[in-house]
C-alpha atoms as a PDB file:
ATOM      1  CA  MET A   1      43.981  80.543   9.353  1.00  0.00           C
ATOM      2  CA  SER A   2      44.106  77.765   6.779  1.00  0.00           C
ATOM      3  CA  ALA A   3      43.946  74.049   7.506  1.00  0.00           C
ATOM      4  CA  VAL A   4      47.638  73.746   6.632  1.00  0.00           C
ATOM      5  CA  GLU A   5      48.531  76.480   9.121  1.00  0.00           C
ATOM      6  CA  ILE A   6      46.438  74.826  11.810  1.00  0.00           C
ATOM      7  CA  GLU A   7      48.102  71.484  11.114  1.00  0.00           C
ATOM      8  CA  LYS A   8      51.552  73.070  11.467  1.00  0.00           C
ATOM      9  CA  GLU A   9      50.555  74.605  14.799  1.00  0.00           C
ATOM     10  CA  ILE A  10      49.192  71.279  16.051  1.00  0.00           C
ATOM     11  CA  GLU A  11      52.442  69.563  15.097  1.00  0.00           C
ATOM     12  CA  LYS A  12      54.262  71.985  17.412  1.00  0.00           C
ATOM     13  CA  LEU A  13      52.231  70.940  20.469  1.00  0.00           C
ATOM     14  CA  GLU A  14      53.789  68.973  23.276  1.00  0.00           C
ATOM     15  CA  PRO A  15      52.188  65.580  24.012  1.00  0.00           C
ATOM     16  CA  ASP A  16      50.333  66.847  27.095  1.00  0.00           C
ATOM     17  CA  GLU A  17      49.045  69.882  25.166  1.00  0.00           C
ATOM     18  CA  LEU A  18      47.936  67.592  22.354  1.00  0.00           C
ATOM     19  CA  ARG A  19      46.047  65.367  24.837  1.00  0.00           C
ATOM     20  CA  LYS A  20      44.248  68.433  26.241  1.00  0.00           C
ATOM     21  CA  LEU A  21      43.356  69.628  22.762  1.00  0.00           C
ATOM     22  CA  SER A  22      42.163  66.155  21.772  1.00  0.00           C
ATOM     23  CA  ALA A  23      39.996  65.890  24.886  1.00  0.00           C
ATOM     24  CA  TRP A  24      38.563  69.345  24.263  1.00  0.00           C
ATOM     25  CA  PHE A  25      37.813  68.507  20.636  1.00  0.00           C
ATOM     26  CA  ALA A  26      36.146  65.201  21.569  1.00  0.00           C
ATOM     27  CA  ASP A  27      33.956  67.050  24.088  1.00  0.00           C
ATOM     28  CA  PHE A  28      33.139  69.730  21.532  1.00  0.00           C
ATOM     29  CA  ALA A  29      32.214  67.139  18.895  1.00  0.00           C
ATOM     30  CA  ALA A  30      29.987  65.277  21.364  1.00  0.00           C
ATOM     31  CA  LYS A  31      28.156  68.493  22.274  1.00  0.00           C
ATOM     32  CA  GLN A  32      27.651  69.296  18.595  1.00  0.00           C
ATOM     33  CA  ALA A  33      26.218  65.825  18.001  1.00  0.00           C
ATOM     34  CA  GLU A  34      23.844  66.261  20.964  1.00  0.00           C
ATOM     35  CA  ALA A  35      22.704  69.644  19.653  1.00  0.00           C
ATOM     36  CA  SER A  36      22.171  68.198  16.195  1.00  0.00           C
ATOM     37  CA  ALA A  37      20.114  65.325  17.612  1.00  0.00           C
ATOM     38  CA  GLU A  38      18.053  67.766  19.676  1.00  0.00           C
ATOM     39  CA  ASP A  39      17.461  69.925  16.589  1.00  0.00           C
ATOM     40  CA  ALA A  40      16.253  66.842  14.703  1.00  0.00           C
ATOM     41  CA  GLU A  41      13.888  65.963  17.565  1.00  0.00           C
ATOM     42  CA  TRP A  42      12.433  69.480  17.622  1.00  0.00           C
ATOM     43  CA  HIS A  43      12.034  69.421  13.838  1.00  0.00           C
ATOM     44  CA  ALA A  44      10.166  66.102  13.977  1.00  0.00           C
ATOM     45  CA  PHE A  45       7.985  67.405  16.836  1.00  0.00           C
ATOM     46  CA  ALA A  46       7.121  70.583  14.918  1.00  0.00           C
ATOM     47  CA  LEU A  47       6.209  68.640  11.780  1.00  0.00           C
ATOM     48  CA  ALA A  48       4.026  66.246  13.767  1.00  0.00           C
ATOM     49  CA  LYS A  49       2.230  69.114  15.529  1.00  0.00           C
ATOM     50  CA  PHE A  50       1.698  70.942  12.259  1.00  0.00           C
ATOM     51  CA  ALA A  51       0.351  67.793  10.594  1.00  0.00           C
ATOM     52  CA  SER A  52      -2.006  67.171  13.522  1.00  0.00           C
ATOM     53  CA  LEU A  53      -3.672  70.550  12.920  1.00  0.00           C
ATOM     54  CA  TYR A  54      -4.938  69.518   9.496  1.00  0.00           C
ATOM     55  CA  ASP A  55      -6.931  66.457   8.541  1.00  0.00           C
ATOM     56  CA  ASP A  56      -7.921  64.912   5.225  1.00  0.00           C
ATOM     57  CA  GLU A  57     -11.010  67.131   5.063  1.00  0.00           C
ATOM     58  CA  GLU A  58      -8.939  70.337   5.006  1.00  0.00           C
ATOM     59  CA  PRO A  59      -9.358  72.081   1.641  1.00  0.00           C
ATOM     60  CA  GLU A  60      -6.363  72.801  -0.526  1.00  0.00           C
ATOM     61  CA  TYR A  61      -5.571  76.493  -0.710  1.00  0.00           C
ATOM     62  CA  SER A  62      -4.212  77.997  -3.885  1.00  0.00           C
ATOM     63  CA  LEU A  63      -1.592  80.716  -3.974  1.00  0.00           C
ATOM     64  CA  GLN A  64      -4.416  83.120  -4.959  1.00  0.00           C
ATOM     65  CA  ASP A  65      -6.334  82.171  -1.781  1.00  0.00           C
ATOM     66  CA  ILE A  66      -3.309  82.830   0.367  1.00  0.00           C
ATOM     67  CA  LYS A  67      -2.648  86.233  -1.195  1.00  0.00           C
ATOM     68  CA  ARG A  68      -6.160  87.497  -0.416  1.00  0.00           C
END
């Protein structure tokens, strides 16, 4: 369904149906934002943990070293 088709269907909604859809969409958007924030927190945590495993004394490994 295209955006134009969706818009036409939304225009057909009664006011109470539109309120329900709007409330549902606001809830959905809030949950997506929460999930995105949680993903960012996990990403930052993973990077910090990974960085904590290596210090400045850790040698640099070449691609050849890794392939062995």
